[in-house]
């Protein structure tokens, strides 16, 4: 594909095996974390000099929070990059993991499946926070972070274009809301977060049309465990 994309290979991904409305995939063997809390840390040596540490940490805190809101896994930032479960860094070119980056608007980032925990972002990109899309080649850090965290948790790519786990992201684009496909995929690995509450099952039903569902139900319609189960049972 010519669009900027995630560098995680689809070669070893396995299909979800469910109804055709689901498009999510998994890494071979469906690896997952068997922990209630995952720690994460930022590399002190492989970082960006034009974004503040606070801005970067805020972006990742929000991205982790989206996944934590739907599964019974929490994320805790720690200082020690070497011992953290999830290790975040910005790298350029060939950085020693066998997956070299290729410069501006090529491969944006890549992550490894559980329980490796590494996630690398291409330092050559123009990463932005707070919707600061001044540059024509600006890439939204929060959007890519949300996608890569999905890989860290065990999700592969989705063929549903609206999904966070779709492999490409055009520049100057923000895409952070988990969709039905993203949530269904991650729930089949980890189960639901029991703290969620039913918001509006009626709105979910109203959003269904011709076998599909609203692709932004998490942010607008449903934040509840029972409604998520309805989605899985009726539509997947």
C-alpha atoms as a PDB file:
ATOM      1  CA  UNK A   1       0.000   0.000   0.000  1.00  0.00           C
ATOM      2  CA  UNK A   2       1.167   3.529  -0.733  1.00  0.00           C
ATOM      3  CA  UNK A   3      -0.438   5.086   2.351  1.00  0.00           C
ATOM      4  CA  UNK A   4       1.609   5.475   5.544  1.00  0.00           C
ATOM      5  CA  UNK A   5       1.121   2.315   7.508  1.00  0.00           C
ATOM      6  CA  UNK A   6       1.922   0.179  10.503  1.00  0.00           C
ATOM      7  CA  UNK A   7       4.946  -2.035  10.028  1.00  0.00           C
ATOM      8  CA  UNK A   8       3.501  -5.106  11.734  1.00  0.00           C
ATOM      9  CA  UNK A   9       3.448  -7.930   9.181  1.00  0.00           C
ATOM     10  CA  UNK A  10       0.177  -9.657   8.345  1.00  0.00           C
ATOM     11  CA  UNK A  11       1.972 -12.835   7.249  1.00  0.00           C
ATOM     12  CA  UNK A  12       1.441 -14.744  10.484  1.00  0.00           C
ATOM     13  CA  UNK A  13      -1.949 -13.307  11.393  1.00  0.00           C
ATOM     14  CA  UNK A  14      -4.915 -15.629  11.847  1.00  0.00           C
ATOM     15  CA  UNK A  15      -8.517 -14.845  11.013  1.00  0.00           C
ATOM     16  CA  UNK A  16     -10.997 -14.400  13.833  1.00  0.00           C
ATOM     17  CA  UNK A  17     -13.052 -17.265  12.415  1.00  0.00           C
ATOM     18  CA  UNK A  18     -16.304 -15.525  13.225  1.00  0.00           C
ATOM     19  CA  UNK A  19     -19.194 -14.077  11.207  1.00  0.00           C
ATOM     20  CA  UNK A  20     -18.269 -12.072   8.134  1.00  0.00           C
ATOM     21  CA  UNK A  21     -19.096  -8.762   9.854  1.00  0.00           C
ATOM     22  CA  UNK A  22     -15.966  -9.166  11.995  1.00  0.00           C
ATOM     23  CA  UNK A  23     -12.683  -8.203  10.348  1.00  0.00           C
ATOM     24  CA  UNK A  24     -10.188  -8.320  13.203  1.00  0.00           C
ATOM     25  CA  UNK A  25      -7.276 -10.778  13.307  1.00  0.00           C
ATOM     26  CA  UNK A  26      -4.786 -12.108  15.848  1.00  0.00           C
ATOM     27  CA  UNK A  27      -1.157 -13.111  15.938  1.00  0.00           C
ATOM     28  CA  UNK A  28      -0.614 -16.829  15.356  1.00  0.00           C
ATOM     29  CA  UNK A  29      -1.345 -18.754  18.537  1.00  0.00           C
ATOM     30  CA  UNK A  30      -3.429 -15.820  19.867  1.00  0.00           C
ATOM     31  CA  UNK A  31      -0.882 -14.721  22.502  1.00  0.00           C
ATOM     32  CA  UNK A  32      -2.121 -12.466  25.307  1.00  0.00           C
ATOM     33  CA  UNK A  33      -0.964 -11.086  28.634  1.00  0.00           C
ATOM     34  CA  UNK A  34      -2.049 -12.917  31.765  1.00  0.00           C
ATOM     35  CA  UNK A  35      -1.792  -9.890  34.043  1.00  0.00           C
ATOM     36  CA  UNK A  36      -4.305  -7.491  35.555  1.00  0.00           C
ATOM     37  CA  UNK A  37      -1.811  -4.614  35.314  1.00  0.00           C
ATOM     38  CA  UNK A  38       0.802  -3.953  32.645  1.00  0.00           C
ATOM     39  CA  UNK A  39       3.612  -1.494  33.267  1.00  0.00           C
ATOM     40  CA  UNK A  40       4.974   0.756  30.534  1.00  0.00           C
ATOM     41  CA  UNK A  41       7.964   3.065  30.252  1.00  0.00           C
ATOM     42  CA  UNK A  42       9.565   5.444  27.746  1.00  0.00           C
ATOM     43  CA  UNK A  43      13.141   5.129  26.560  1.00  0.00           C
ATOM     44  CA  UNK A  44      15.345   7.907  27.914  1.00  0.00           C
ATOM     45  CA  UNK A  45      17.702   7.670  24.931  1.00  0.00           C
ATOM     46  CA  UNK A  46      15.301   7.094  22.052  1.00  0.00           C
ATOM     47  CA  UNK A  47      12.892  10.001  22.260  1.00  0.00           C
ATOM     48  CA  UNK A  48      11.832  13.117  20.351  1.00  0.00           C
ATOM     49  CA  UNK A  49      13.418  16.476  21.061  1.00  0.00           C
ATOM     50  CA  UNK A  50      10.562  18.602  19.699  1.00  0.00           C
ATOM     51  CA  UNK A  51       7.735  17.225  21.832  1.00  0.00           C
ATOM     52  CA  UNK A  52       7.672  17.660  25.573  1.00  0.00           C
ATOM     53  CA  UNK A  53       7.757  14.603  27.795  1.00  0.00           C
ATOM     54  CA  UNK A  54       4.480  15.686  29.370  1.00  0.00           C
ATOM     55  CA  UNK A  55       2.730  15.896  25.983  1.00  0.00           C
ATOM     56  CA  UNK A  56       3.953  12.469  24.931  1.00  0.00           C
ATOM     57  CA  UNK A  57       2.990  10.905  28.253  1.00  0.00           C
ATOM     58  CA  UNK A  58      -0.473  12.483  28.109  1.00  0.00           C
ATOM     59  CA  UNK A  59      -1.050  11.075  24.634  1.00  0.00           C
ATOM     60  CA  UNK A  60      -0.096   7.565  25.696  1.00  0.00           C
ATOM     61  CA  UNK A  61      -2.089   7.794  28.911  1.00  0.00           C
ATOM     62  CA  UNK A  62      -5.204   8.504  26.851  1.00  0.00           C
ATOM     63  CA  UNK A  63      -4.394   5.763  24.347  1.00  0.00           C
ATOM     64  CA  UNK A  64      -3.869   3.150  27.060  1.00  0.00           C
ATOM     65  CA  UNK A  65      -7.031   4.344  28.760  1.00  0.00           C
ATOM     66  CA  UNK A  66      -9.180   3.546  25.742  1.00  0.00           C
ATOM     67  CA  UNK A  67      -8.180  -0.106  25.800  1.00  0.00           C
ATOM     68  CA  UNK A  68      -8.343  -0.302  29.602  1.00  0.00           C
ATOM     69  CA  UNK A  69     -11.929   0.991  29.500  1.00  0.00           C
ATOM     70  CA  UNK A  70     -13.160  -2.145  27.733  1.00  0.00           C
ATOM     71  CA  UNK A  71     -10.965  -4.953  29.123  1.00  0.00           C
ATOM     72  CA  UNK A  72      -9.994  -5.957  32.692  1.00  0.00           C
ATOM     73  CA  UNK A  73      -6.406  -4.781  32.251  1.00  0.00           C
ATOM     74  CA  UNK A  74      -4.934  -1.544  33.622  1.00  0.00           C
ATOM     75  CA  UNK A  75      -1.733   0.212  32.601  1.00  0.00           C
ATOM     76  CA  UNK A  76       0.785   1.854  34.922  1.00  0.00           C
ATOM     77  CA  UNK A  77       3.642   4.120  33.870  1.00  0.00           C
ATOM     78  CA  UNK A  78       6.997   3.324  35.505  1.00  0.00           C
ATOM     79  CA  UNK A  79      10.455   4.835  35.198  1.00  0.00           C
ATOM     80  CA  UNK A  80      12.515   1.734  34.458  1.00  0.00           C
ATOM     81  CA  UNK A  81      12.388   1.090  30.715  1.00  0.00           C
ATOM     82  CA  UNK A  82      14.340  -2.162  30.958  1.00  0.00           C
ATOM     83  CA  UNK A  83      11.960  -3.914  33.352  1.00  0.00           C
ATOM     84  CA  UNK A  84       8.630  -2.502  32.130  1.00  0.00           C
ATOM     85  CA  UNK A  85       6.253  -4.909  30.422  1.00  0.00           C
ATOM     86  CA  UNK A  86       5.741  -2.445  27.561  1.00  0.00           C
ATOM     87  CA  UNK A  87       8.737  -0.494  26.238  1.00  0.00           C
ATOM     88  CA  UNK A  88       8.156   2.643  24.131  1.00  0.00           C
ATOM     89  CA  UNK A  89      10.763   4.386  21.999  1.00  0.00           C
ATOM     90  CA  UNK A  90      11.373   6.458  18.868  1.00  0.00           C
ATOM     91  CA  UNK A  91      13.946   5.074  16.425  1.00  0.00           C
ATOM     92  CA  UNK A  92      15.273   5.936  12.960  1.00  0.00           C
ATOM     93  CA  UNK A  93      16.345   3.675  10.118  1.00  0.00           C
ATOM     94  CA  UNK A  94      17.901   0.337  11.012  1.00  0.00           C
ATOM     95  CA  UNK A  95      17.614   0.120  14.788  1.00  0.00           C
ATOM     96  CA  UNK A  96      18.568  -3.501  15.377  1.00  0.00           C
ATOM     97  CA  UNK A  97      15.266  -5.365  15.550  1.00  0.00           C
ATOM     98  CA  UNK A  98      15.224  -6.605  11.953  1.00  0.00           C
ATOM     99  CA  UNK A  99      12.511  -4.118  10.948  1.00  0.00           C
ATOM    100  CA  UNK A 100      14.256  -0.919   9.783  1.00  0.00           C
ATOM    101  CA  UNK A 101      12.232   2.235   9.339  1.00  0.00           C
ATOM    102  CA  UNK A 102      12.092   3.839   5.902  1.00  0.00           C
ATOM    103  CA  UNK A 103      11.701   7.578   6.439  1.00  0.00           C
ATOM    104  CA  UNK A 104       8.865  10.054   6.113  1.00  0.00           C
ATOM    105  CA  UNK A 105       5.350   8.660   5.532  1.00  0.00           C
ATOM    106  CA  UNK A 106       6.441   5.070   5.060  1.00  0.00           C
ATOM    107  CA  UNK A 107       6.223   2.679   7.960  1.00  0.00           C
ATOM    108  CA  UNK A 108       5.019   4.775  10.894  1.00  0.00           C
ATOM    109  CA  UNK A 109       5.597   2.325  13.739  1.00  0.00           C
ATOM    110  CA  UNK A 110       5.637  -1.330  14.670  1.00  0.00           C
ATOM    111  CA  UNK A 111       4.942  -3.348  17.775  1.00  0.00           C
ATOM    112  CA  UNK A 112       5.578  -6.898  18.872  1.00  0.00           C
ATOM    113  CA  UNK A 113       3.020  -9.385  20.090  1.00  0.00           C
ATOM    114  CA  UNK A 114       2.648 -10.469  23.726  1.00  0.00           C
ATOM    115  CA  UNK A 115       4.758 -11.006  25.663  1.00  0.00           C
ATOM    116  CA  UNK A 116       7.565  -9.160  23.916  1.00  0.00           C
ATOM    117  CA  UNK A 117       6.203  -5.726  24.780  1.00  0.00           C
ATOM    118  CA  UNK A 118       8.322  -3.530  22.501  1.00  0.00           C
ATOM    119  CA  UNK A 119       6.766  -0.745  20.424  1.00  0.00           C
ATOM    120  CA  UNK A 120       8.851   1.482  18.140  1.00  0.00           C
ATOM    121  CA  UNK A 121       7.876   4.699  16.372  1.00  0.00           C
ATOM    122  CA  UNK A 122       9.757   6.099  13.376  1.00  0.00           C
ATOM    123  CA  UNK A 123      11.644   9.171  14.595  1.00  0.00           C
ATOM    124  CA  UNK A 124      11.784  10.469  11.008  1.00  0.00           C
ATOM    125  CA  UNK A 125       8.054  11.215  11.007  1.00  0.00           C
ATOM    126  CA  UNK A 126       6.622  14.589  11.968  1.00  0.00           C
ATOM    127  CA  UNK A 127       4.728  13.509  15.068  1.00  0.00           C
ATOM    128  CA  UNK A 128       2.104  15.894  16.404  1.00  0.00           C
ATOM    129  CA  UNK A 129      -0.115  16.107  19.469  1.00  0.00           C
ATOM    130  CA  UNK A 130      -3.197  18.201  20.221  1.00  0.00           C
ATOM    131  CA  UNK A 131      -4.330  18.181  16.560  1.00  0.00           C
ATOM    132  CA  UNK A 132      -1.468  20.455  15.516  1.00  0.00           C
ATOM    133  CA  UNK A 133      -1.582  19.530  11.812  1.00  0.00           C
ATOM    134  CA  UNK A 134       0.443  22.436  10.458  1.00  0.00           C
ATOM    135  CA  UNK A 135       2.684  20.234   8.331  1.00  0.00           C
ATOM    136  CA  UNK A 136       1.452  18.365   5.253  1.00  0.00           C
ATOM    137  CA  UNK A 137       3.253  15.261   6.536  1.00  0.00           C
ATOM    138  CA  UNK A 138       2.076  15.527  10.148  1.00  0.00           C
ATOM    139  CA  UNK A 139       1.188  12.208  11.805  1.00  0.00           C
ATOM    140  CA  UNK A 140      -1.052  12.112  14.862  1.00  0.00           C
ATOM    141  CA  UNK A 141       0.851  10.364  17.641  1.00  0.00           C
ATOM    142  CA  UNK A 142      -2.243   9.444  19.631  1.00  0.00           C
ATOM    143  CA  UNK A 143      -3.850   7.670  16.664  1.00  0.00           C
ATOM    144  CA  UNK A 144      -0.776   5.559  15.960  1.00  0.00           C
ATOM    145  CA  UNK A 145      -0.203   4.883  19.669  1.00  0.00           C
ATOM    146  CA  UNK A 146      -3.770   3.597  20.069  1.00  0.00           C
ATOM    147  CA  UNK A 147      -3.250   1.286  17.080  1.00  0.00           C
ATOM    148  CA  UNK A 148       0.097  -0.049  18.266  1.00  0.00           C
ATOM    149  CA  UNK A 149      -1.214  -0.738  21.773  1.00  0.00           C
ATOM    150  CA  UNK A 150      -3.753  -3.015  20.124  1.00  0.00           C
ATOM    151  CA  UNK A 151      -0.822  -5.032  18.747  1.00  0.00           C
ATOM    152  CA  UNK A 152       0.909  -5.051  22.133  1.00  0.00           C
ATOM    153  CA  UNK A 153      -2.259  -6.606  23.555  1.00  0.00           C
ATOM    154  CA  UNK A 154      -2.448  -9.273  20.842  1.00  0.00           C
ATOM    155  CA  UNK A 155      -4.644  -7.879  18.071  1.00  0.00           C
ATOM    156  CA  UNK A 156      -3.565  -8.089  14.454  1.00  0.00           C
ATOM    157  CA  UNK A 157      -4.787  -5.799  11.692  1.00  0.00           C
ATOM    158  CA  UNK A 158      -8.420  -5.349  10.729  1.00  0.00           C
ATOM    159  CA  UNK A 159      -9.633  -5.158   7.149  1.00  0.00           C
ATOM    160  CA  UNK A 160     -12.415  -2.812   8.255  1.00  0.00           C
ATOM    161  CA  UNK A 161     -11.243   0.638   7.181  1.00  0.00           C
ATOM    162  CA  UNK A 162     -12.952   2.482  10.018  1.00  0.00           C
ATOM    163  CA  UNK A 163     -11.286   0.330  12.692  1.00  0.00           C
ATOM    164  CA  UNK A 164      -8.394   1.633  14.772  1.00  0.00           C
ATOM    165  CA  UNK A 165      -6.584  -1.598  13.844  1.00  0.00           C
ATOM    166  CA  UNK A 166      -6.769  -0.906  10.094  1.00  0.00           C
ATOM    167  CA  UNK A 167      -3.129  -0.893   8.915  1.00  0.00           C
ATOM    168  CA  UNK A 168      -2.911   2.514   7.221  1.00  0.00           C
ATOM    169  CA  UNK A 169      -3.355   6.103   8.410  1.00  0.00           C
ATOM    170  CA  UNK A 170      -3.209   9.125   6.076  1.00  0.00           C
ATOM    171  CA  UNK A 171      -1.220  12.137   7.311  1.00  0.00           C
ATOM    172  CA  UNK A 172      -3.119  14.906   9.113  1.00  0.00           C
ATOM    173  CA  UNK A 173      -5.696  12.357  10.304  1.00  0.00           C
ATOM    174  CA  UNK A 174      -6.937  11.647  13.818  1.00  0.00           C
ATOM    175  CA  UNK A 175      -8.372   8.185  14.422  1.00  0.00           C
ATOM    176  CA  UNK A 176      -8.548   7.230  18.082  1.00  0.00           C
ATOM    177  CA  UNK A 177     -12.073   5.944  18.774  1.00  0.00           C
ATOM    178  CA  UNK A 178     -12.307   2.177  19.172  1.00  0.00           C
ATOM    179  CA  UNK A 179     -14.941   0.670  16.892  1.00  0.00           C
ATOM    180  CA  UNK A 180     -17.184  -2.342  17.302  1.00  0.00           C
ATOM    181  CA  UNK A 181     -14.637  -4.432  15.411  1.00  0.00           C
ATOM    182  CA  UNK A 182     -11.745  -3.342  17.649  1.00  0.00           C
ATOM    183  CA  UNK A 183     -13.723  -3.983  20.819  1.00  0.00           C
ATOM    184  CA  UNK A 184     -15.101  -7.332  19.697  1.00  0.00           C
ATOM    185  CA  UNK A 185     -11.603  -8.492  18.842  1.00  0.00           C
ATOM    186  CA  UNK A 186     -10.017  -7.484  22.128  1.00  0.00           C
ATOM    187  CA  UNK A 187     -12.936  -8.847  24.197  1.00  0.00           C
ATOM    188  CA  UNK A 188     -12.430 -12.285  22.706  1.00  0.00           C
ATOM    189  CA  UNK A 189      -8.898 -12.228  24.094  1.00  0.00           C
ATOM    190  CA  UNK A 190      -9.472 -10.653  27.510  1.00  0.00           C
ATOM    191  CA  UNK A 191     -13.179 -10.503  28.240  1.00  0.00           C
ATOM    192  CA  UNK A 192     -14.979  -7.311  29.301  1.00  0.00           C
ATOM    193  CA  UNK A 193     -14.100  -4.763  31.935  1.00  0.00           C
ATOM    194  CA  UNK A 194     -16.698  -5.442  34.671  1.00  0.00           C
ATOM    195  CA  UNK A 195     -16.723  -1.781  35.750  1.00  0.00           C
ATOM    196  CA  UNK A 196     -18.417  -0.606  32.582  1.00  0.00           C
ATOM    197  CA  UNK A 197     -22.058   0.439  32.742  1.00  0.00           C
ATOM    198  CA  UNK A 198     -24.905   0.210  30.263  1.00  0.00           C
ATOM    199  CA  UNK A 199     -25.448   3.594  28.662  1.00  0.00           C
ATOM    200  CA  UNK A 200     -28.009   3.251  25.927  1.00  0.00           C
ATOM    201  CA  UNK A 201     -28.870  -0.104  24.416  1.00  0.00           C
ATOM    202  CA  UNK A 202     -31.695   1.594  22.530  1.00  0.00           C
ATOM    203  CA  UNK A 203     -29.223   3.867  20.773  1.00  0.00           C
ATOM    204  CA  UNK A 204     -27.136   0.866  19.803  1.00  0.00           C
ATOM    205  CA  UNK A 205     -30.173  -0.812  18.285  1.00  0.00           C
ATOM    206  CA  UNK A 206     -31.031   2.381  16.407  1.00  0.00           C
ATOM    207  CA  UNK A 207     -27.500   2.463  14.988  1.00  0.00           C
ATOM    208  CA  UNK A 208     -27.873  -0.990  13.439  1.00  0.00           C
ATOM    209  CA  UNK A 209     -28.699  -1.101   9.765  1.00  0.00           C
ATOM    210  CA  UNK A 210     -28.394  -3.818   7.152  1.00  0.00           C
ATOM    211  CA  UNK A 211     -26.257  -6.037   9.340  1.00  0.00           C
ATOM    212  CA  UNK A 212     -23.896  -3.275  10.439  1.00  0.00           C
ATOM    213  CA  UNK A 213     -23.481  -1.186  13.547  1.00  0.00           C
ATOM    214  CA  UNK A 214     -22.303   2.306  14.317  1.00  0.00           C
ATOM    215  CA  UNK A 215     -18.518   2.430  14.048  1.00  0.00           C
ATOM    216  CA  UNK A 216     -18.240   4.943  16.881  1.00  0.00           C
ATOM    217  CA  UNK A 217     -20.508   3.275  19.404  1.00  0.00           C
ATOM    218  CA  UNK A 218     -17.884   3.357  22.128  1.00  0.00           C
ATOM    219  CA  UNK A 219     -17.569   7.121  22.154  1.00  0.00           C
ATOM    220  CA  UNK A 220     -21.208   8.014  21.484  1.00  0.00           C
ATOM    221  CA  UNK A 221     -23.605   5.210  22.203  1.00  0.00           C
ATOM    222  CA  UNK A 222     -22.421   2.440  24.466  1.00  0.00           C
ATOM    223  CA  UNK A 223     -20.049   2.211  27.380  1.00  0.00           C
ATOM    224  CA  UNK A 224     -21.562  -0.889  28.912  1.00  0.00           C
ATOM    225  CA  UNK A 225     -20.737  -4.502  29.410  1.00  0.00           C
ATOM    226  CA  UNK A 226     -24.193  -5.834  28.543  1.00  0.00           C
ATOM    227  CA  UNK A 227     -24.414  -3.814  25.358  1.00  0.00           C
ATOM    228  CA  UNK A 228     -21.019  -5.145  24.294  1.00  0.00           C
ATOM    229  CA  UNK A 229     -22.287  -8.676  24.783  1.00  0.00           C
ATOM    230  CA  UNK A 230     -25.313  -7.858  22.647  1.00  0.00           C
ATOM    231  CA  UNK A 231     -22.992  -6.702  19.885  1.00  0.00           C
ATOM    232  CA  UNK A 232     -21.010  -9.948  20.047  1.00  0.00           C
ATOM    233  CA  UNK A 233     -24.039 -12.221  20.174  1.00  0.00           C
ATOM    234  CA  UNK A 234     -26.193 -10.522  17.541  1.00  0.00           C
ATOM    235  CA  UNK A 235     -23.703  -9.240  15.009  1.00  0.00           C
ATOM    236  CA  UNK A 236     -20.524 -11.316  15.226  1.00  0.00           C
END
